[in-house]
N, C-alpha and C. Protein backbone atom coordinates (compact mmCIF):
# COMPACT_ATOMS: atom_id res chain seq x y z
N MET A 1 0.56 -1.20 0.21
CA MET A 1 -0.13 -0.01 -0.05
C MET A 1 0.93 1.18 -0.11
N ILE A 2 0.54 2.30 -0.90
CA ILE A 2 1.23 3.33 -1.16
C ILE A 2 0.43 4.55 -0.66
N LYS A 3 0.69 5.88 -0.45
CA LYS A 3 0.01 6.92 -0.49
C LYS A 3 0.83 8.07 -1.25
N ILE A 4 -0.10 8.72 -2.24
CA ILE A 4 0.38 10.04 -2.95
C ILE A 4 -0.28 11.10 -2.65
N LYS A 5 0.15 12.18 -2.81
CA LYS A 5 -0.45 13.48 -2.19
C LYS A 5 -0.72 14.15 -3.83
N THR A 6 -2.22 14.79 -3.47
CA THR A 6 -2.38 15.58 -4.85
C THR A 6 -3.66 16.47 -4.56
N ASN A 7 -3.88 17.38 -5.60
CA ASN A 7 -4.78 18.41 -5.15
C ASN A 7 -6.13 17.83 -5.93
N LEU A 8 -7.04 17.22 -5.30
CA LEU A 8 -8.43 16.55 -5.81
C LEU A 8 -9.53 17.25 -5.76
N ASN A 9 -9.84 17.93 -6.91
CA ASN A 9 -11.10 18.69 -6.96
C ASN A 9 -10.94 19.81 -5.76
N GLY A 10 -10.09 20.37 -5.90
CA GLY A 10 -9.74 21.98 -5.42
C GLY A 10 -8.80 21.35 -3.77
N ARG A 11 -9.06 20.21 -3.12
CA ARG A 11 -8.04 19.85 -1.95
C ARG A 11 -7.17 19.28 -1.86
N GLN A 12 -6.50 19.53 -0.83
CA GLN A 12 -5.00 18.74 -0.96
C GLN A 12 -5.72 17.41 -0.22
N ARG A 13 -4.97 16.16 -0.97
CA ARG A 13 -5.41 14.83 -0.10
C ARG A 13 -4.67 13.78 -0.47
N GLU A 14 -4.31 12.62 0.18
CA GLU A 14 -3.59 11.69 -0.01
C GLU A 14 -4.81 10.48 -0.38
N LEU A 15 -4.19 9.85 -1.41
CA LEU A 15 -5.00 9.18 -2.42
C LEU A 15 -3.95 7.52 -1.72
N ALA A 16 -4.91 6.28 -1.59
CA ALA A 16 -4.27 5.24 -1.41
C ALA A 16 -4.82 4.22 -2.49
N ALA A 17 -3.03 3.51 -2.92
CA ALA A 17 -3.26 2.80 -4.10
C ALA A 17 -2.61 1.72 -3.72
N ASP A 18 -3.12 0.46 -4.48
CA ASP A 18 -1.99 -0.37 -4.18
C ASP A 18 -0.26 -0.75 -4.68
N ASP A 19 0.02 -0.38 -5.59
CA ASP A 19 1.25 -0.14 -5.70
C ASP A 19 1.58 1.47 -7.02
N TYR A 20 2.16 1.89 -7.08
CA TYR A 20 2.82 3.02 -8.18
C TYR A 20 2.39 3.07 -9.71
N THR A 21 2.15 1.78 -9.63
CA THR A 21 1.62 1.48 -11.17
C THR A 21 0.30 1.42 -11.42
N GLU A 22 -0.81 1.44 -10.67
CA GLU A 22 -2.03 1.05 -10.24
C GLU A 22 -2.84 2.16 -11.18
N PRO A 23 -3.57 1.82 -12.05
CA PRO A 23 -4.61 2.61 -12.71
C PRO A 23 -5.04 4.01 -11.93
N LEU A 24 -5.19 5.46 -12.27
CA LEU A 24 -5.39 6.29 -11.22
C LEU A 24 -6.93 5.96 -10.92
N LEU A 25 -7.76 5.96 -12.28
CA LEU A 25 -8.90 5.37 -12.69
C LEU A 25 -9.69 4.37 -11.21
N ASP A 26 -8.56 3.31 -11.11
CA ASP A 26 -8.98 2.50 -9.68
C ASP A 26 -8.98 2.98 -8.55
N VAL A 27 -8.09 3.78 -8.43
CA VAL A 27 -7.63 4.72 -6.76
C VAL A 27 -8.46 5.72 -6.77
N LEU A 28 -9.30 6.04 -7.80
CA LEU A 28 -9.91 7.17 -7.72
C LEU A 28 -11.19 6.68 -7.29
N ARG A 29 -11.74 5.31 -8.09
CA ARG A 29 -13.24 4.73 -7.63
C ARG A 29 -13.12 4.28 -6.36
N LYS A 30 -11.89 3.67 -5.94
CA LYS A 30 -11.31 2.68 -4.87
C LYS A 30 -11.85 4.41 -2.96
N ASN A 31 -11.39 5.24 -3.78
CA ASN A 31 -11.47 6.37 -2.93
C ASN A 31 -12.39 7.49 -3.09
N GLY A 32 -13.40 6.86 -3.74
CA GLY A 32 -15.18 7.35 -3.39
C GLY A 32 -15.42 8.44 -4.79
N ARG A 33 -14.56 8.59 -5.72
CA ARG A 33 -14.93 9.35 -6.69
C ARG A 33 -15.54 8.59 -8.04
N THR A 34 -16.90 7.70 -7.84
CA THR A 34 -16.80 7.12 -8.57
C THR A 34 -17.86 7.46 -10.05
N GLY A 35 -18.15 8.82 -9.82
CA GLY A 35 -18.23 9.38 -11.16
C GLY A 35 -17.50 9.03 -12.39
N THR A 36 -16.21 8.89 -12.02
CA THR A 36 -15.48 8.57 -12.91
C THR A 36 -15.70 7.00 -13.40
N LYS A 37 -16.16 6.75 -15.07
CA LYS A 37 -16.44 5.47 -15.22
C LYS A 37 -15.36 4.70 -15.90
N GLU A 38 -15.55 3.29 -15.49
CA GLU A 38 -14.86 2.54 -16.20
C GLU A 38 -15.43 1.98 -17.26
N GLY A 39 -14.95 2.53 -18.86
CA GLY A 39 -15.44 1.51 -19.83
C GLY A 39 -14.39 0.42 -20.39
N CYS A 40 -13.83 0.75 -21.27
CA CYS A 40 -13.07 0.02 -21.95
C CYS A 40 -11.50 -1.06 -21.27
N LYS A 41 -11.10 0.05 -20.33
CA LYS A 41 -9.57 -0.01 -19.54
C LYS A 41 -8.30 -0.06 -20.69
N ALA A 42 -8.71 0.86 -21.83
CA ALA A 42 -8.19 0.64 -22.91
C ALA A 42 -7.40 2.02 -23.34
N GLY A 43 -8.10 3.21 -22.68
CA GLY A 43 -8.07 4.24 -23.52
C GLY A 43 -9.06 4.72 -24.54
N GLN A 44 -9.74 3.95 -24.90
CA GLN A 44 -10.49 4.18 -26.38
C GLN A 44 -11.83 4.99 -26.15
N CYS A 45 -12.40 4.29 -24.85
CA CYS A 45 -14.15 4.89 -24.98
C CYS A 45 -14.27 6.43 -24.40
N GLY A 46 -13.24 6.93 -23.60
CA GLY A 46 -13.33 8.29 -22.94
C GLY A 46 -13.74 8.41 -21.47
N ALA A 47 -14.82 7.43 -21.31
CA ALA A 47 -15.50 6.99 -19.69
C ALA A 47 -14.70 7.35 -18.87
N CYS A 48 -13.26 7.36 -18.59
CA CYS A 48 -12.82 7.51 -18.04
C CYS A 48 -12.32 8.91 -17.67
N VAL A 49 -12.45 9.71 -18.53
CA VAL A 49 -11.70 10.86 -18.68
C VAL A 49 -12.00 11.86 -17.34
N ILE A 50 -10.53 12.51 -17.20
CA ILE A 50 -10.24 13.36 -15.98
C ILE A 50 -9.71 14.36 -16.72
N LEU A 51 -9.19 15.49 -15.29
CA LEU A 51 -8.47 16.45 -16.09
C LEU A 51 -7.24 16.49 -14.59
N ILE A 52 -5.78 16.21 -15.49
CA ILE A 52 -4.83 16.77 -14.48
C ILE A 52 -4.18 18.07 -15.31
N ASN A 53 -3.93 18.62 -14.11
CA ASN A 53 -3.96 19.63 -14.47
C ASN A 53 -4.31 20.83 -15.75
N ASN A 54 -5.50 20.44 -15.55
CA ASN A 54 -6.45 20.70 -16.35
C ASN A 54 -6.43 20.52 -18.20
N LYS A 55 -6.00 19.46 -18.10
CA LYS A 55 -6.05 18.46 -19.55
C LYS A 55 -6.64 17.66 -19.08
N PRO A 56 -7.56 16.87 -20.68
CA PRO A 56 -7.87 15.70 -20.15
C PRO A 56 -7.12 14.06 -20.56
N VAL A 57 -7.21 13.50 -19.61
CA VAL A 57 -6.53 12.09 -19.63
C VAL A 57 -7.40 10.83 -19.41
N ASN A 58 -7.22 10.07 -19.90
CA ASN A 58 -7.87 8.63 -19.68
C ASN A 58 -7.11 7.96 -18.78
N ALA A 59 -8.40 8.07 -17.14
CA ALA A 59 -7.82 7.74 -15.94
C ALA A 59 -7.20 6.08 -15.94
N CYS A 60 -7.82 5.49 -17.15
CA CYS A 60 -7.36 3.96 -16.95
C CYS A 60 -6.34 3.89 -17.55
N LEU A 61 -5.72 4.51 -18.12
CA LEU A 61 -4.26 4.16 -19.00
C LEU A 61 -2.96 4.90 -17.62
N PHE A 62 -3.58 6.25 -16.88
CA PHE A 62 -2.49 7.18 -16.26
C PHE A 62 -2.16 6.11 -14.86
N PRO A 63 -0.81 5.89 -14.74
CA PRO A 63 -0.61 5.36 -13.28
C PRO A 63 -0.66 6.08 -12.38
N VAL A 64 -0.81 5.91 -11.16
CA VAL A 64 -0.96 6.68 -9.78
C VAL A 64 0.09 7.68 -9.80
N PHE A 65 1.04 7.13 -9.91
CA PHE A 65 2.44 8.05 -9.41
C PHE A 65 3.25 8.91 -10.57
N ARG A 66 2.00 9.16 -11.70
CA ARG A 66 2.24 10.55 -11.99
C ARG A 66 0.88 11.52 -11.79
N ALA A 67 0.35 11.05 -10.66
CA ALA A 67 -0.61 12.28 -10.19
C ALA A 67 0.05 12.59 -9.01
N GLU A 68 1.33 12.48 -8.60
CA GLU A 68 1.69 13.10 -7.05
C GLU A 68 2.13 14.50 -7.73
N ASN A 69 1.38 15.26 -6.60
CA ASN A 69 1.21 16.76 -6.71
C ASN A 69 0.72 17.49 -7.99
N LYS A 70 -0.29 16.46 -8.17
CA LYS A 70 -0.95 17.34 -9.81
C LYS A 70 -2.04 17.96 -9.36
N LYS A 71 -2.82 18.58 -9.96
CA LYS A 71 -4.15 18.78 -10.11
C LYS A 71 -5.16 18.01 -10.60
N ILE A 72 -6.01 17.63 -9.99
CA ILE A 72 -6.73 16.34 -10.41
C ILE A 72 -8.35 17.16 -10.16
N THR A 73 -9.00 16.93 -11.60
CA THR A 73 -10.27 17.17 -11.50
C THR A 73 -10.93 16.34 -11.81
N THR A 74 -12.43 15.68 -11.45
CA THR A 74 -13.01 14.89 -11.70
C THR A 74 -14.18 15.40 -11.86
N ILE A 75 -15.19 14.60 -12.17
CA ILE A 75 -16.91 15.05 -12.40
C ILE A 75 -17.53 15.79 -10.78
N GLU A 76 -17.21 15.17 -9.99
CA GLU A 76 -17.67 15.52 -8.76
C GLU A 76 -16.87 17.29 -8.33
N GLY A 77 -15.93 17.42 -9.16
CA GLY A 77 -15.32 18.65 -8.60
C GLY A 77 -16.16 19.69 -9.87
N LEU A 78 -17.03 19.03 -10.15
CA LEU A 78 -17.65 20.42 -11.09
C LEU A 78 -18.86 21.14 -11.07
N GLY A 79 -19.46 20.29 -10.06
CA GLY A 79 -20.93 20.46 -9.60
C GLY A 79 -21.54 19.79 -8.70
N LYS A 80 -22.95 20.11 -7.87
CA LYS A 80 -23.43 19.38 -6.81
C LYS A 80 -24.90 19.03 -7.34
N PRO A 81 -25.62 17.80 -7.23
CA PRO A 81 -26.67 17.72 -7.83
C PRO A 81 -27.54 18.52 -7.65
N ASN A 82 -27.75 19.46 -6.63
CA ASN A 82 -28.57 20.39 -6.42
C ASN A 82 -27.98 21.76 -6.75
N ASN A 83 -26.88 21.84 -7.66
CA ASN A 83 -26.29 23.11 -7.83
C ASN A 83 -25.12 22.71 -9.10
N LEU A 84 -25.84 22.41 -10.25
CA LEU A 84 -25.02 21.70 -11.38
C LEU A 84 -24.04 22.89 -11.86
N GLY A 85 -22.85 22.77 -12.41
CA GLY A 85 -22.27 23.23 -13.17
C GLY A 85 -22.88 23.57 -14.81
N VAL A 86 -22.27 24.83 -15.37
CA VAL A 86 -22.97 25.24 -16.32
C VAL A 86 -22.85 24.20 -17.37
N ILE A 87 -21.75 23.17 -17.72
CA ILE A 87 -22.09 22.21 -18.31
C ILE A 87 -22.36 20.84 -18.53
N GLN A 88 -22.56 20.76 -17.09
CA GLN A 88 -23.50 19.86 -16.53
C GLN A 88 -25.40 20.20 -16.59
N GLN A 89 -25.52 21.74 -16.50
CA GLN A 89 -27.05 22.13 -16.64
C GLN A 89 -27.14 21.80 -18.21
N SER A 90 -26.36 22.33 -19.00
CA SER A 90 -26.45 22.33 -20.61
C SER A 90 -26.50 21.11 -21.06
N PHE A 91 -25.93 20.15 -20.70
CA PHE A 91 -25.75 18.87 -21.13
C PHE A 91 -27.34 18.27 -20.87
N LEU A 92 -27.86 18.29 -19.49
CA LEU A 92 -29.06 18.13 -19.64
C LEU A 92 -30.18 18.83 -19.83
N GLU A 93 -30.30 20.24 -20.05
CA GLU A 93 -31.22 20.77 -20.85
C GLU A 93 -31.30 20.65 -22.46
N LYS A 94 -30.18 20.27 -22.79
CA LYS A 94 -30.18 19.50 -24.11
C LYS A 94 -30.58 18.05 -24.67
N GLY A 95 -30.52 17.59 -23.33
CA GLY A 95 -31.01 15.92 -23.47
C GLY A 95 -29.74 15.41 -24.20
N ALA A 96 -28.27 16.05 -23.36
CA ALA A 96 -27.28 14.89 -24.17
C ALA A 96 -26.67 14.21 -22.68
N VAL A 97 -27.64 13.57 -22.40
CA VAL A 97 -27.26 12.42 -21.17
C VAL A 97 -28.06 11.39 -21.65
N GLN A 98 -28.75 10.90 -22.28
CA GLN A 98 -29.38 9.60 -22.20
C GLN A 98 -29.08 8.64 -21.24
N CYS A 99 -28.21 7.75 -21.09
CA CYS A 99 -27.70 6.69 -20.53
C CYS A 99 -27.45 7.02 -19.14
N GLY A 100 -25.91 8.13 -19.85
CA GLY A 100 -25.07 8.94 -18.66
C GLY A 100 -23.85 8.61 -18.69
N TYR A 101 -23.65 6.97 -19.14
CA TYR A 101 -22.50 6.42 -18.88
C TYR A 101 -21.38 7.36 -19.22
N CYS A 102 -21.40 7.75 -20.45
CA CYS A 102 -20.39 8.92 -21.07
C CYS A 102 -20.13 10.12 -20.88
N THR A 103 -21.14 10.44 -20.29
CA THR A 103 -21.64 12.06 -19.85
C THR A 103 -20.12 12.83 -18.81
N PRO A 104 -19.85 11.87 -17.65
CA PRO A 104 -18.76 12.36 -16.94
C PRO A 104 -17.47 13.05 -17.77
N GLY A 105 -17.15 12.09 -18.47
CA GLY A 105 -16.02 11.91 -19.78
C GLY A 105 -16.41 13.13 -20.62
N MET A 106 -17.24 13.06 -21.13
CA MET A 106 -17.71 14.24 -22.00
C MET A 106 -17.74 15.49 -21.38
N VAL A 107 -18.45 15.89 -20.29
CA VAL A 107 -18.23 16.95 -19.82
C VAL A 107 -16.92 17.37 -19.17
N LEU A 108 -16.06 16.75 -18.80
CA LEU A 108 -14.75 16.96 -18.61
C LEU A 108 -13.57 17.42 -19.45
N SER A 109 -14.25 16.57 -21.31
CA SER A 109 -13.36 17.22 -21.98
C SER A 109 -13.77 18.14 -22.46
N THR A 110 -14.86 18.43 -22.36
CA THR A 110 -15.95 19.98 -22.81
C THR A 110 -15.13 21.27 -21.99
N LYS A 111 -15.16 20.73 -20.53
CA LYS A 111 -14.84 21.74 -19.77
C LYS A 111 -13.09 22.58 -20.26
N ALA A 112 -12.30 21.48 -20.40
CA ALA A 112 -10.79 21.56 -20.86
C ALA A 112 -11.03 22.28 -22.24
N LEU A 113 -11.70 21.76 -23.28
CA LEU A 113 -12.00 22.66 -24.38
C LEU A 113 -12.45 24.02 -23.87
N LEU A 114 -13.40 24.32 -23.33
CA LEU A 114 -13.96 25.78 -22.93
C LEU A 114 -13.28 26.67 -22.30
N ASP A 115 -12.37 26.09 -21.37
CA ASP A 115 -11.28 26.54 -20.82
C ASP A 115 -10.11 27.27 -21.56
N LYS A 116 -10.10 26.27 -22.75
CA LYS A 116 -8.75 27.34 -23.62
C LYS A 116 -9.21 27.90 -24.93
N THR A 117 -10.57 27.58 -25.20
CA THR A 117 -11.13 28.01 -26.39
C THR A 117 -12.71 27.98 -26.06
N PRO A 118 -12.81 29.47 -25.40
CA PRO A 118 -14.09 29.56 -24.64
C PRO A 118 -15.31 30.01 -26.32
N SER A 119 -14.86 30.15 -27.60
CA SER A 119 -15.98 30.06 -28.78
C SER A 119 -15.57 29.12 -29.81
N PRO A 120 -15.79 27.99 -29.50
CA PRO A 120 -15.28 26.90 -30.12
C PRO A 120 -16.09 26.65 -31.59
N SER A 121 -15.29 26.52 -32.62
CA SER A 121 -16.17 25.90 -33.93
C SER A 121 -16.45 24.48 -33.45
N GLU A 122 -17.76 24.19 -34.23
CA GLU A 122 -18.07 23.08 -34.22
C GLU A 122 -16.87 22.05 -34.76
N ASN A 123 -16.43 21.99 -35.98
CA ASN A 123 -15.10 21.30 -35.93
C ASN A 123 -14.07 21.13 -34.56
N GLU A 124 -13.90 22.16 -33.82
CA GLU A 124 -13.27 22.23 -32.57
C GLU A 124 -13.40 21.22 -31.44
N ILE A 125 -15.29 21.53 -31.85
CA ILE A 125 -15.88 20.64 -30.48
C ILE A 125 -15.76 19.24 -30.79
N LEU A 126 -16.11 19.05 -32.20
CA LEU A 126 -15.82 17.66 -32.49
C LEU A 126 -14.64 16.96 -32.25
N GLU A 127 -13.16 17.84 -32.67
CA GLU A 127 -12.04 17.30 -32.33
C GLU A 127 -11.64 16.87 -30.72
N SER A 128 -12.46 17.96 -29.87
CA SER A 128 -12.07 17.95 -28.71
C SER A 128 -12.98 16.43 -27.71
N LEU A 129 -13.68 15.98 -28.49
CA LEU A 129 -14.57 14.98 -28.30
C LEU A 129 -14.38 13.92 -29.07
N ASP A 130 -12.92 13.46 -29.59
CA ASP A 130 -12.87 12.62 -30.55
C ASP A 130 -12.47 11.30 -29.90
N GLY A 131 -12.11 11.42 -28.28
CA GLY A 131 -12.41 10.17 -28.07
C GLY A 131 -12.84 10.37 -26.69
N ASN A 132 -14.19 10.63 -26.90
CA ASN A 132 -15.20 10.24 -26.12
C ASN A 132 -16.67 9.41 -26.77
N LEU A 133 -16.64 8.05 -26.56
CA LEU A 133 -17.54 7.58 -27.35
C LEU A 133 -19.04 7.75 -26.73
N CYS A 134 -20.07 7.69 -27.27
CA CYS A 134 -21.38 7.72 -26.67
C CYS A 134 -22.17 6.72 -27.62
N ARG A 135 -22.96 6.10 -27.01
CA ARG A 135 -23.64 4.79 -27.86
C ARG A 135 -25.18 5.55 -27.73
N CYS A 136 -25.67 6.36 -27.18
CA CYS A 136 -27.08 6.88 -27.03
C CYS A 136 -26.97 7.82 -27.78
N THR A 137 -26.80 9.12 -27.98
CA THR A 137 -27.27 10.46 -28.64
C THR A 137 -26.91 10.53 -29.81
N GLY A 138 -25.87 10.11 -30.63
CA GLY A 138 -26.09 10.35 -31.85
C GLY A 138 -24.72 11.46 -31.99
N TYR A 139 -24.24 11.68 -30.72
CA TYR A 139 -23.34 13.55 -30.88
C TYR A 139 -24.21 14.83 -30.87
N VAL A 140 -25.33 14.82 -31.76
CA VAL A 140 -25.90 15.85 -32.02
C VAL A 140 -26.44 16.98 -30.56
N LYS A 141 -27.16 16.16 -30.07
CA LYS A 141 -27.48 16.97 -28.69
C LYS A 141 -26.23 17.10 -27.70
N ILE A 142 -25.48 16.58 -27.79
CA ILE A 142 -23.88 16.76 -27.22
C ILE A 142 -23.53 18.27 -27.61
N ILE A 143 -23.07 17.82 -29.25
CA ILE A 143 -22.34 19.28 -29.65
C ILE A 143 -23.21 20.52 -29.21
N ASP A 144 -24.88 20.55 -29.69
CA ASP A 144 -25.58 21.82 -29.08
C ASP A 144 -25.55 22.06 -27.44
N ALA A 145 -25.35 20.85 -26.54
CA ALA A 145 -24.83 20.80 -25.34
C ALA A 145 -23.78 21.96 -25.29
N VAL A 146 -22.33 21.60 -25.80
CA VAL A 146 -20.94 22.30 -25.71
C VAL A 146 -21.44 23.58 -26.16
N LYS A 147 -22.18 23.92 -27.27
CA LYS A 147 -22.67 25.40 -27.71
C LYS A 147 -23.26 25.98 -26.81
N LEU A 148 -24.12 25.72 -26.02
CA LEU A 148 -24.94 26.15 -24.92
C LEU A 148 -24.10 27.03 -23.93
N ALA A 149 -23.09 25.58 -23.15
CA ALA A 149 -22.24 25.96 -22.57
C ALA A 149 -21.42 27.08 -22.73
N SER A 150 -21.13 27.03 -24.01
CA SER A 150 -19.97 28.17 -24.34
C SER A 150 -20.58 29.51 -24.09
N GLU A 151 -21.71 29.27 -25.02
CA GLU A 151 -22.61 30.40 -24.96
C GLU A 151 -22.72 31.19 -23.26
N ARG A 152 -23.24 30.52 -22.56
CA ARG A 152 -23.39 30.47 -21.27
C ARG A 152 -22.13 31.29 -20.23
N ILE A 153 -20.85 30.76 -20.77
CA ILE A 153 -19.51 30.92 -20.24
C ILE A 153 -19.54 32.22 -20.76
N ARG A 154 -19.36 32.55 -21.91
CA ARG A 154 -18.90 33.65 -22.32
C ARG A 154 -20.02 34.74 -22.00
N ASN A 155 -21.36 34.60 -21.91
CA ASN A 155 -22.41 35.65 -21.20
C ASN A 155 -22.03 35.96 -19.50
N GLY A 156 -21.06 35.32 -18.96
CA GLY A 156 -20.76 35.05 -17.68
C GLY A 156 -21.57 34.20 -16.26
N ARG A 157 -21.87 33.36 -17.02
CA ARG A 157 -22.39 32.27 -16.32
C ARG A 157 -21.22 31.20 -16.18
N ASN A 158 -20.32 30.98 -15.24
CA ASN A 158 -19.66 30.24 -15.11
C ASN A 158 -19.96 28.87 -14.20
N LYS A 159 -21.01 28.67 -13.29
CA LYS A 159 -21.25 27.81 -12.38
C LYS A 159 -21.94 26.42 -13.26
């Protein structure tokens, strides 16, 4: 058993892991961050996308030792059930949540995009979501949700 120090969703934390090479996905889930989903365990589906220092990564491929002293953001760090973040609210309002399994990864990929590019083109949106697979929505509603979140953020609604 090892422990690593990190900033998880804005708070300094120690995460317990079996060893240094354990996937960060498994460590997060064992430490109560179950919003990060396990899909393929091969970095192909995007269900496990989190932000490391504000950049999207597949937590299933990210060994826990690389998270030492890094800023980690999971879906739990963006809003609460009774106070959703602007991206989460936009996904909900546009019906971009269907079964919801891919949603945490989609939302975090969207956050990384909008933090970098507040007014993305449709091609930039598609490129940023390239590693996130969804079997339910067909992506039209997801793209609409990203556009709505972008508009809201540009207009000063950042929650």
